[in-house]
Protein backbone atom coordinates (compact mmCIF):
# COMPACT_ATOMS: atom_id res chain seq x y z
CA MET A 1 237.28 149.37 123.70
CA SER A 2 236.33 152.87 124.04
CA SER A 3 234.23 153.12 120.99
CA ARG A 4 232.15 150.31 121.62
CA ALA A 5 231.48 151.55 125.18
CA GLY A 6 230.64 154.78 123.24
CA LEU A 7 228.07 152.57 121.28
CA LEU A 8 226.45 151.00 124.09
CA ASP A 9 225.98 154.71 125.69
CA ARG A 10 223.82 155.73 122.90
CA GLY A 11 222.05 152.73 122.47
CA ARG A 12 220.87 153.04 126.18
CA ALA A 13 220.32 156.98 125.16
CA TRP A 14 218.72 155.98 122.42
CA LEU A 15 216.25 153.15 124.16
CA SER A 16 215.99 155.60 127.22
CA HIS A 17 214.73 158.41 125.09
CA HIS A 18 212.09 155.79 123.15
CA ARG A 19 211.00 154.70 126.83
CA ASP A 20 210.64 158.30 128.11
CA SER A 21 208.95 159.49 124.77
CA ALA A 22 206.72 156.87 125.28
CA ALA A 23 205.62 157.36 128.85
CA ASP A 24 205.25 161.08 128.61
CA SER A 25 202.92 160.91 125.61
CA LEU A 26 200.68 158.64 127.25
CA GLY A 27 200.89 160.99 130.52
CA ARG A 28 199.86 163.84 128.20
CA LEU A 29 196.98 161.91 126.75
CA LEU A 30 195.88 160.99 130.50
CA ALA A 31 196.20 164.28 131.84
CA ARG A 32 193.08 165.71 129.35
CA PRO A 33 191.14 162.41 129.82
CA LEU A 34 188.12 163.51 127.76
CA GLY A 35 189.84 165.08 124.70
CA SER A 36 191.81 162.08 124.38
CA LEU A 37 188.49 160.06 124.85
CA LEU A 38 186.59 161.55 122.64
CA THR A 39 189.47 161.25 120.03
CA CYS A 40 189.64 157.72 120.64
CA LEU A 41 186.02 157.12 119.75
CA ALA A 42 186.23 159.17 117.01
CA ILE A 43 189.11 157.08 115.20
CA GLY A 44 187.24 153.94 116.67
CA ILE A 45 183.78 154.93 114.58
CA VAL A 46 185.71 155.26 111.82
CA LEU A 47 187.28 151.81 111.87
CA ALA A 48 184.49 149.67 113.25
CA LEU A 49 181.97 150.99 110.23
CA PRO A 50 184.45 149.28 107.49
CA ALA A 51 184.79 146.37 109.84
CA VAL A 52 181.12 146.13 110.98
CA LEU A 53 180.42 146.48 106.78
CA ALA A 54 183.11 143.71 106.00
CA GLN A 55 182.42 141.29 108.60
CA ALA A 56 178.68 141.02 108.00
CA LEU A 57 179.21 140.91 104.04
CA GLU A 58 180.83 137.95 104.70
CA GLU A 59 178.84 136.08 106.81
CA PHE A 60 176.43 136.95 104.10
CA ARG A 61 178.45 135.39 101.49
CA GLN A 62 178.71 132.76 103.95
CA LEU A 63 175.02 132.24 104.29
CA SER A 64 174.51 132.40 100.66
CA GLY A 65 176.96 129.61 99.91
CA ASP A 66 174.58 127.52 102.03
CA TRP A 67 171.89 128.01 99.95
CA GLN A 68 171.45 125.54 96.92
CA ALA A 69 169.21 126.79 94.17
CA PRO A 70 168.40 123.94 91.66
CA ASP A 71 168.35 124.32 88.07
CA ARG A 72 164.99 124.14 87.31
CA ILE A 73 162.52 125.80 85.33
CA SER A 74 159.28 127.44 86.30
CA LEU A 75 157.02 127.55 83.69
CA PHE A 76 153.95 129.64 84.42
CA LEU A 77 151.11 128.39 82.03
CA ARG A 78 148.69 130.82 80.24
CA GLU A 79 144.90 131.05 81.58
CA SER A 80 143.67 129.06 78.89
CA VAL A 81 145.59 126.13 79.39
CA SER A 82 143.26 123.64 81.10
CA GLU A 83 144.68 121.03 83.63
CA GLU A 84 144.31 118.31 81.45
CA ALA A 85 146.41 119.93 78.74
CA ALA A 86 149.11 121.00 81.07
CA LEU A 87 149.22 117.19 82.43
CA ALA A 88 149.56 116.21 78.91
CA TRP A 89 152.55 118.24 77.74
CA ARG A 90 154.11 117.55 81.56
CA GLU A 91 154.11 114.05 79.66
CA GLU A 92 155.72 115.67 76.40
CA LEU A 93 158.33 117.34 78.33
CA GLU A 94 159.38 114.27 80.09
CA ALA A 95 159.62 112.41 76.78
CA LEU A 96 162.48 114.95 75.67
CA PRO A 97 166.20 113.74 76.27
CA ALA A 98 167.41 117.19 77.41
CA VAL A 99 164.32 116.92 80.38
CA ALA A 100 165.31 114.73 83.57
CA ARG A 101 161.97 115.12 85.29
CA VAL A 102 158.77 117.36 85.15
CA ASP A 103 156.28 118.27 88.31
CA PHE A 104 152.44 119.76 87.74
CA LEU A 105 151.82 122.18 90.35
CA SER A 106 147.83 122.68 89.56
CA ARG A 107 146.41 126.39 90.15
CA ASP A 108 144.40 124.95 93.26
CA ASP A 109 147.60 123.54 94.72
CA ALA A 110 149.73 126.90 94.40
CA LEU A 111 146.98 128.80 95.94
CA VAL A 112 146.82 126.70 98.99
CA GLU A 113 150.39 126.79 99.51
CA PHE A 114 150.85 130.56 99.04
CA ARG A 115 148.15 130.52 101.62
CA GLU A 116 150.21 129.11 104.30
CA LEU A 117 153.46 130.89 103.49
CA SER A 118 152.23 134.33 102.90
CA GLY A 119 150.45 135.26 105.07
CA PHE A 120 147.20 136.35 103.55
CA ALA A 121 144.54 133.89 103.84
CA ASP A 122 141.98 136.68 104.37
CA VAL A 123 142.91 138.48 101.23
CA LEU A 124 142.64 135.41 99.12
CA ASP A 125 139.89 134.47 100.34
CA GLY A 126 137.97 137.30 99.57
CA LEU A 127 138.74 136.82 95.83
CA GLU A 128 136.55 135.91 93.50
CA GLN A 129 138.53 133.33 91.37
CA ASN A 130 142.20 131.97 92.04
CA PRO A 131 144.39 134.29 90.01
CA LEU A 132 147.00 131.87 89.85
CA PRO A 133 148.25 129.63 86.97
CA HIS A 134 149.48 126.24 86.42
CA LEU A 135 152.83 125.54 86.86
CA LEU A 136 155.24 122.94 85.45
CA LEU A 137 158.44 122.89 87.40
CA VAL A 138 161.08 121.51 84.86
CA ALA A 139 164.50 120.09 86.08
CA PRO A 140 167.04 119.68 83.10
CA ALA A 141 168.90 116.59 82.15
CA ALA A 142 172.35 118.98 82.54
CA SER A 143 173.15 121.86 84.64
CA GLU A 144 174.96 123.63 81.53
CA GLN A 145 171.93 122.67 79.27
CA ALA A 146 169.22 125.09 81.48
CA ALA A 147 169.45 128.39 80.18
CA GLN A 148 169.14 126.66 76.62
CA LEU A 149 165.98 124.83 77.74
CA ARG A 150 164.38 127.59 79.59
CA ALA A 151 164.47 129.68 76.00
CA ARG A 152 163.35 126.77 74.19
CA LEU A 153 160.61 126.22 76.34
CA LEU A 154 159.63 129.92 76.67
CA ARG A 155 159.30 130.15 72.82
CA ASP A 156 156.06 127.61 73.83
CA GLU A 157 152.34 129.45 73.04
CA ARG A 158 151.34 127.83 76.31
CA VAL A 159 154.07 129.33 78.49
CA ALA A 160 153.29 132.70 79.92
CA GLU A 161 157.07 132.74 81.67
CA ALA A 162 159.89 130.75 82.25
CA VAL A 163 162.02 131.72 85.42
CA LEU A 164 165.30 129.52 85.56
CA ASP A 165 165.80 129.39 89.46
CA SER A 166 169.07 129.70 89.42
CA ALA A 167 169.18 132.96 88.13
CA TRP A 168 167.78 134.65 91.69
CA LEU A 169 171.18 133.20 93.37
CA ALA A 170 173.68 134.25 90.44
CA ARG A 171 172.23 137.50 90.63
CA LEU A 172 172.74 137.73 93.98
CA GLN A 173 176.57 136.35 94.11
CA GLN A 174 177.08 139.38 91.86
CA LEU A 175 175.58 141.89 94.12
CA THR A 176 177.69 140.61 96.80
CA ASP A 177 181.09 140.73 94.69
CA LEU A 178 179.50 144.41 94.35
CA GLY A 179 179.25 144.96 97.94
CA ARG A 180 182.64 143.59 98.40
CA ARG A 181 184.55 146.33 96.35
CA VAL A 182 181.59 149.27 97.86
CA VAL A 183 183.12 148.25 101.16
CA TRP A 184 187.00 148.22 100.05
CA VAL A 185 186.55 151.46 98.77
CA LEU A 186 184.71 153.02 101.82
CA GLY A 187 187.08 151.50 104.07
CA GLY A 188 190.29 153.10 102.08
CA LEU A 189 188.23 156.55 101.70
CA LEU A 190 187.68 155.84 105.68
CA LEU A 191 190.97 154.60 106.74
CA LEU A 192 192.40 157.80 105.03
CA GLY A 193 190.11 159.85 107.22
CA VAL A 194 191.63 158.32 110.46
CA VAL A 195 195.17 159.48 108.62
CA LEU A 196 193.65 163.10 108.91
CA ILE A 197 192.26 162.96 112.12
CA LEU A 198 194.88 162.05 113.78
CA GLY A 199 197.21 164.19 111.10
CA ASN A 200 194.87 167.72 112.43
CA THR A 201 195.13 166.22 116.35
CA LEU A 202 198.82 166.09 116.27
CA ARG A 203 198.99 169.63 114.10
CA LEU A 204 197.34 171.22 117.18
CA ALA A 205 200.05 169.41 119.54
CA ILE A 206 202.95 170.67 117.73
CA GLU A 207 201.76 173.90 117.74
CA SER A 208 200.76 174.20 121.48
CA ARG A 209 204.95 172.96 121.98
CA ARG A 210 205.93 175.00 119.53
CA GLU A 211 208.29 177.07 122.27
CA GLU A 212 209.61 173.66 123.34
CA ILE A 213 210.83 172.39 120.05
CA LEU A 214 212.26 175.82 119.54
CA VAL A 215 214.34 175.41 122.74
CA VAL A 216 215.17 171.49 121.51
CA LYS A 217 216.45 172.89 118.18
CA LEU A 218 218.21 175.58 119.80
CA VAL A 219 220.09 173.24 122.18
CA GLY A 220 221.09 170.76 119.07
CA GLY A 221 217.85 168.52 119.56
CA SER A 222 217.81 166.49 115.92
CA ASP A 223 214.07 166.47 113.98
CA ALA A 224 214.30 162.23 115.03
CA PHE A 225 214.58 163.75 118.71
CA VAL A 226 211.71 165.88 118.47
CA ARG A 227 209.78 164.10 116.23
CA ARG A 228 209.55 160.87 118.71
CA PRO A 229 206.89 162.27 121.12
CA PHE A 230 204.61 162.70 118.68
CA LEU A 231 204.95 159.64 116.87
CA TYR A 232 204.28 158.15 120.13
CA THR A 233 201.46 160.28 120.90
CA GLY A 234 200.09 159.19 117.38
CA LEU A 235 200.88 155.66 118.38
CA TRP A 236 198.61 155.72 121.41
CA TYR A 237 195.93 157.35 119.96
CA GLY A 238 195.60 154.80 117.21
CA VAL A 239 195.75 152.30 119.89
CA GLY A 240 192.96 153.91 121.63
CA GLY A 241 190.87 153.81 118.28
CA GLY A 242 191.42 150.65 117.43
CA LEU A 243 190.24 149.21 121.01
CA CYS A 244 187.25 151.28 120.66
CA ALA A 245 186.23 150.12 117.46
CA GLY A 246 186.72 146.27 118.67
CA LEU A 247 184.41 146.99 121.46
CA LEU A 248 182.00 148.95 118.82
CA VAL A 249 182.34 146.02 116.93
CA VAL A 250 181.62 143.54 119.61
CA ALA A 251 178.96 145.37 120.84
CA VAL A 252 177.08 145.78 117.13
CA PHE A 253 177.41 142.03 116.91
CA ALA A 254 175.78 141.09 120.31
CA LEU A 255 172.76 143.89 119.54
CA VAL A 256 172.04 142.36 116.02
CA GLY A 257 173.57 138.76 116.12
CA PRO A 258 170.45 136.52 117.78
CA ALA A 259 168.14 138.17 115.15
CA ALA A 260 170.54 137.61 112.19
CA THR A 261 171.00 134.15 113.66
CA GLU A 262 167.36 133.52 113.84
CA LEU A 263 166.70 134.76 110.07
CA ALA A 264 169.53 132.94 109.02
CA ALA A 265 168.13 129.67 110.57
CA LEU A 266 165.18 130.60 109.16
CA TYR A 267 166.61 129.85 105.49
CA GLY A 268 167.80 126.66 106.56
CA ALA A 269 171.90 128.20 106.87
CA ARG A 270 174.04 127.35 109.85
CA SER A 271 172.95 127.69 113.19
CA SER A 272 176.08 128.82 114.94
CA PRO A 273 175.71 132.62 116.52
CA LEU A 274 177.24 135.48 114.62
CA GLY A 275 179.75 137.49 115.85
CA PRO A 276 183.11 138.80 115.00
CA GLU A 277 186.28 136.69 114.46
CA PRO A 278 188.04 135.79 117.57
CA MET A 279 191.35 138.01 116.16
CA ALA A 280 189.10 141.20 114.86
CA ILE A 281 189.80 143.18 118.22
CA PRO A 282 193.79 143.10 118.03
CA TYR A 283 193.37 143.17 114.09
CA LEU A 284 191.62 146.75 114.70
CA VAL A 285 193.96 147.49 117.62
CA LEU A 286 197.58 146.66 115.30
CA LEU A 287 195.69 148.51 112.13
CA GLY A 288 195.05 151.57 114.30
CA ALA A 289 198.67 151.81 115.93
CA LEU A 290 199.84 151.38 112.39
CA LEU A 291 197.21 154.09 111.32
CA GLY A 292 198.53 156.29 114.19
CA LEU A 293 201.92 156.23 113.45
CA ALA A 294 201.03 156.97 109.74
CA GLY A 295 199.17 160.08 110.45
CA ALA A 296 201.33 161.29 113.24
CA TRP A 297 204.95 160.82 110.95
CA LEU A 298 202.95 163.08 108.22
CA ALA A 299 201.85 165.42 110.31
CA VAL A 300 205.02 165.94 112.12
CA SER A 301 207.18 165.97 109.05
CA ARG A 302 204.74 168.23 107.57
CA HIS A 303 204.89 170.98 110.42
CA LEU A 304 208.27 170.10 112.28
CA GLY A 305 209.82 172.30 109.68
CA GLU A 306 208.12 175.12 109.75
CA ILE A 307 209.57 175.70 113.56
CA GLU A 308 212.61 176.63 113.23
CA PRO A 309 215.00 178.52 115.40
CA SER A 310 215.54 182.22 113.81
């Protein structure tokens, strides 16, 4: 019975010290609000940067996923090819089994369309002659044959250039994948930076309380007992940094979100507002707390052993 009572007493003492350590470490941070706020802001900026980049990249990936690039081959004909010859070749191409459809766009129609879309009407009107070629838009019968059909048509002497319209989307997806990897690497480096910032901050805190730590160790305090207040200090710094990061992310998307949504609408993409995920702030706070504990643990484990009563 007495052993059970002893365990309960030790449990209460352990919880009491946790509560006191958490309250004391928070009180020390609030006692120097400017320094604590600057540290939390530094952590918040470092956490917010990869979060903003990752969210922006995800929004762009979803936006590009809404774009449907047709498997269509644009044949830019040579200037020597007349409109009559282009129309005749169009009929020949439509008779091929590998071709589903061929549309013809004359150089005059192409100039009118380019003038409307480009906004360079004054410049185009000043040209002595139309610089645009006739254009044949070839739709393959099967998507998997598009590249092979393009290579075949490009060998024709009447073709100056053959462009597969879906090729740009494939390159865009590759760039998006590359961007995702860059964000992951950058995010990892920045998270390491958070741990280092907290480690240096806690190192200074340990040095400022060296005499107190020596006294605690002299009266028999364990390393875990001494470590606990600093772990809570790192935790509070991490939570504060996560909150700052969440607010910064919300502020960034509030500033650029409307313009980005309007831009997406121009490309026929979704019209929903651009913004962070609903759980972005809780995730950032949790991440900041974990990094705070990690940074504090590393700092205390390294420097606490250097402080021993002689």
